[in-house]
Structure formats: C-alpha cells, structure tokens
Amino acid sequence: LAGVQRKYANDDDKSCAATLGKQIRKVKASLRKRCNARL
C-alpha cells in the first residue's frame, strides 16, 4: 500500500486516501469473514 500511496501522492490526496481507506476496510472485512468461517 505504501507504493500505491506514493504513486498517487501528487493527485488529490483526500480522494486517494478515501479510496485507499475503503479498499482496506473491504479487505479487512473479507479476511474477518474467512477467519470466522474457519472457527
């Protein structure tokens, strides 16, 4: 993710940060679902 953030550093920082935040939340949610399914 650090590379992605650097890549878009010169673009609109707020929109980029918001997009990254949404992606991170989706990934965490899907990982949590997978972990819960295993238990």
PDB file of N, CA and C in Angstrom:
ATOM      1  N   LEU A   1       0.829  -1.209   0.000  1.00  0.00           N
ATOM      2  CA  LEU A   1       0.000   0.000   0.000  1.00  0.00           C
ATOM      3  C   LEU A   1       0.861   1.257   0.000  1.00  0.00           C
ATOM      4  N   ALA A   2       2.036   1.186   0.615  1.00  0.00           N
ATOM      5  CA  ALA A   2       2.915   2.351   0.650  1.00  0.00           C
ATOM      6  C   ALA A   2       3.270   2.792  -0.770  1.00  0.00           C
ATOM      7  N   GLY A   3       3.510   1.827  -1.648  1.00  0.00           N
ATOM      8  CA  GLY A   3       3.820   2.146  -3.037  1.00  0.00           C
ATOM      9  C   GLY A   3       2.652   2.823  -3.729  1.00  0.00           C
ATOM     10  N   VAL A   4       1.457   2.341  -3.457  1.00  0.00           N
ATOM     11  CA  VAL A   4       0.258   2.941  -4.059  1.00  0.00           C
ATOM     12  C   VAL A   4       0.101   4.371  -3.572  1.00  0.00           C
ATOM     13  N   GLN A   5       0.298   4.577  -2.269  1.00  0.00           N
ATOM     14  CA  GLN A   5       0.163   5.921  -1.709  1.00  0.00           C
ATOM     15  C   GLN A   5       1.171   6.873  -2.338  1.00  0.00           C
ATOM     16  N   ARG A   6       2.412   6.395  -2.532  1.00  0.00           N
ATOM     17  CA  ARG A   6       3.440   7.237  -3.138  1.00  0.00           C
ATOM     18  C   ARG A   6       3.071   7.566  -4.583  1.00  0.00           C
ATOM     19  N   LYS A   7       2.554   6.555  -5.275  1.00  0.00           N
ATOM     20  CA  LYS A   7       2.207   6.718  -6.685  1.00  0.00           C
ATOM     21  C   LYS A   7       1.173   7.827  -6.877  1.00  0.00           C
ATOM     22  N   TYR A   8       0.219   7.919  -5.954  1.00  0.00           N
ATOM     23  CA  TYR A   8      -0.850   8.902  -6.084  1.00  0.00           C
ATOM     24  C   TYR A   8      -0.632  10.140  -5.218  1.00  0.00           C
ATOM     25  N   ALA A   9       0.574  10.274  -4.657  1.00  0.00           N
ATOM     26  CA  ALA A   9       0.848  11.380  -3.731  1.00  0.00           C
ATOM     27  C   ALA A   9       0.597  12.739  -4.377  1.00  0.00           C
ATOM     28  N   ASN A  10       0.834  12.863  -5.685  1.00  0.00           N
ATOM     29  CA  ASN A  10       0.685  14.153  -6.364  1.00  0.00           C
ATOM     30  C   ASN A  10      -0.743  14.406  -6.832  1.00  0.00           C
ATOM     31  N   ASP A  11      -1.599  13.380  -6.756  1.00  0.00           N
ATOM     32  CA  ASP A  11      -3.008  13.558  -7.134  1.00  0.00           C
ATOM     33  C   ASP A  11      -3.766  14.170  -5.962  1.00  0.00           C
ATOM     34  N   ASP A  12      -5.078  14.213  -6.068  1.00  0.00           N
ATOM     35  CA  ASP A  12      -5.907  14.728  -4.976  1.00  0.00           C
ATOM     36  C   ASP A  12      -5.770  13.800  -3.773  1.00  0.00           C
ATOM     37  N   ASP A  13      -5.031  14.251  -2.767  1.00  0.00           N
ATOM     38  CA  ASP A  13      -4.710  13.403  -1.622  1.00  0.00           C
ATOM     39  C   ASP A  13      -5.944  12.924  -0.878  1.00  0.00           C
ATOM     40  N   LYS A  14      -6.924  13.788  -0.722  1.00  0.00           N
ATOM     41  CA  LYS A  14      -8.107  13.415   0.058  1.00  0.00           C
ATOM     42  C   LYS A  14      -8.873  12.275  -0.606  1.00  0.00           C
ATOM     43  N   SER A  15      -9.119  12.398  -1.912  1.00  0.00           N
ATOM     44  CA  SER A  15      -9.879  11.355  -2.607  1.00  0.00           C
ATOM     45  C   SER A  15      -9.092  10.048  -2.630  1.00  0.00           C
ATOM     46  N   CYS A  16      -7.763  10.161  -2.780  1.00  0.00           N
ATOM     47  CA  CYS A  16      -6.929   8.970  -2.793  1.00  0.00           C
ATOM     48  C   CYS A  16      -6.986   8.282  -1.439  1.00  0.00           C
ATOM     49  N   ALA A  17      -6.863   9.054  -0.373  1.00  0.00           N
ATOM     50  CA  ALA A  17      -6.895   8.488   0.972  1.00  0.00           C
ATOM     51  C   ALA A  17      -8.244   7.826   1.235  1.00  0.00           C
ATOM     52  N   ALA A  18      -9.323   8.456   0.769  1.00  0.00           N
ATOM     53  CA  ALA A  18     -10.653   7.894   0.962  1.00  0.00           C
ATOM     54  C   ALA A  18     -10.778   6.570   0.220  1.00  0.00           C
ATOM     55  N   THR A  19     -10.267   6.524  -1.002  1.00  0.00           N
ATOM     56  CA  THR A  19     -10.330   5.296  -1.801  1.00  0.00           C
ATOM     57  C   THR A  19      -9.533   4.180  -1.138  1.00  0.00           C
ATOM     58  N   LEU A  20      -8.321   4.507  -0.688  1.00  0.00           N
ATOM     59  CA  LEU A  20      -7.492   3.503  -0.020  1.00  0.00           C
ATOM     60  C   LEU A  20      -8.176   3.006   1.238  1.00  0.00           C
ATOM     61  N   GLY A  21      -8.782   3.929   2.001  1.00  0.00           N
ATOM     62  CA  GLY A  21      -9.470   3.549   3.225  1.00  0.00           C
ATOM     63  C   GLY A  21     -10.586   2.557   2.953  1.00  0.00           C
ATOM     64  N   LYS A  22     -11.363   2.800   1.887  1.00  0.00           N
ATOM     65  CA  LYS A  22     -12.456   1.889   1.525  1.00  0.00           C
ATOM     66  C   LYS A  22     -11.903   0.521   1.158  1.00  0.00           C
ATOM     67  N   GLN A  23     -10.825   0.490   0.367  1.00  0.00           N
ATOM     68  CA  GLN A  23     -10.232  -0.778  -0.052  1.00  0.00           C
ATOM     69  C   GLN A  23      -9.731  -1.556   1.157  1.00  0.00           C
ATOM     70  N   ILE A  24      -9.059  -0.856   2.079  1.00  0.00           N
ATOM     71  CA  ILE A  24      -8.513  -1.516   3.269  1.00  0.00           C
ATOM     72  C   ILE A  24      -9.651  -2.107   4.095  1.00  0.00           C
ATOM     73  N   ARG A  25     -10.733  -1.339   4.257  1.00  0.00           N
ATOM     74  CA  ARG A  25     -11.866  -1.824   5.042  1.00  0.00           C
ATOM     75  C   ARG A  25     -12.470  -3.068   4.409  1.00  0.00           C
ATOM     76  N   LYS A  26     -12.610  -3.070   3.082  1.00  0.00           N
ATOM     77  CA  LYS A  26     -13.164  -4.231   2.376  1.00  0.00           C
ATOM     78  C   LYS A  26     -12.290  -5.447   2.600  1.00  0.00           C
ATOM     79  N   VAL A  27     -10.978  -5.278   2.474  1.00  0.00           N
ATOM     80  CA  VAL A  27     -10.051  -6.400   2.645  1.00  0.00           C
ATOM     81  C   VAL A  27     -10.137  -6.944   4.063  1.00  0.00           C
ATOM     82  N   LYS A  28     -10.141  -6.045   5.053  1.00  0.00           N
ATOM     83  CA  LYS A  28     -10.211  -6.484   6.448  1.00  0.00           C
ATOM     84  C   LYS A  28     -11.514  -7.238   6.710  1.00  0.00           C
ATOM     85  N   ALA A  29     -12.614  -6.722   6.157  1.00  0.00           N
ATOM     86  CA  ALA A  29     -13.907  -7.367   6.356  1.00  0.00           C
ATOM     87  C   ALA A  29     -13.913  -8.767   5.759  1.00  0.00           C
ATOM     88  N   SER A  30     -13.370  -8.910   4.553  1.00  0.00           N
ATOM     89  CA  SER A  30     -13.350 -10.220   3.897  1.00  0.00           C
ATOM     90  C   SER A  30     -12.439 -11.184   4.646  1.00  0.00           C
ATOM     91  N   LEU A  31     -11.320 -10.689   5.174  1.00  0.00           N
ATOM     92  CA  LEU A  31     -10.424 -11.545   5.952  1.00  0.00           C
ATOM     93  C   LEU A  31     -11.125 -12.013   7.219  1.00  0.00           C
ATOM     94  N   ARG A  32     -11.858 -11.098   7.864  1.00  0.00           N
ATOM     95  CA  ARG A  32     -12.572 -11.445   9.085  1.00  0.00           C
ATOM     96  C   ARG A  32     -13.606 -12.530   8.809  1.00  0.00           C
ATOM     97  N   LYS A  33     -14.333 -12.387   7.680  1.00  0.00           N
ATOM     98  CA  LYS A  33     -15.338 -13.388   7.311  1.00  0.00           C
ATOM     99  C   LYS A  33     -14.680 -14.748   7.123  1.00  0.00           C
ATOM    100  N   ARG A  34     -13.539 -14.757   6.433  1.00  0.00           N
ATOM    101  CA  ARG A  34     -12.832 -16.007   6.184  1.00  0.00           C
ATOM    102  C   ARG A  34     -12.397 -16.650   7.503  1.00  0.00           C
ATOM    103  N   CYS A  35     -11.870 -15.827   8.417  1.00  0.00           N
ATOM    104  CA  CYS A  35     -11.416 -16.354   9.705  1.00  0.00           C
ATOM    105  C   CYS A  35     -12.588 -16.900  10.504  1.00  0.00           C
ATOM    106  N   ASN A  36     -13.708 -16.172  10.488  1.00  0.00           N
ATOM    107  CA  ASN A  36     -14.886 -16.629  11.233  1.00  0.00           C
ATOM    108  C   ASN A  36     -15.417 -17.937  10.664  1.00  0.00           C
ATOM    109  N   ALA A  37     -15.338 -18.097   9.351  1.00  0.00           N
ATOM    110  CA  ALA A  37     -15.836 -19.312   8.711  1.00  0.00           C
ATOM    111  C   ALA A  37     -15.009 -20.525   9.149  1.00  0.00           C
ATOM    112  N   ARG A  38     -13.722 -20.306   9.426  1.00  0.00           N
ATOM    113  CA  ARG A  38     -12.851 -21.412   9.824  1.00  0.00           C
ATOM    114  C   ARG A  38     -13.110 -21.858  11.249  1.00  0.00           C
ATOM    115  N   LEU A  39     -13.535 -20.936  12.121  1.00  0.00           N
ATOM    116  CA  LEU A  39     -13.729 -21.264  13.537  1.00  0.00           C
ATOM    117  C   LEU A  39     -14.903 -22.220  13.751  1.00  0.00           C
TER     118      LEU A  39
END
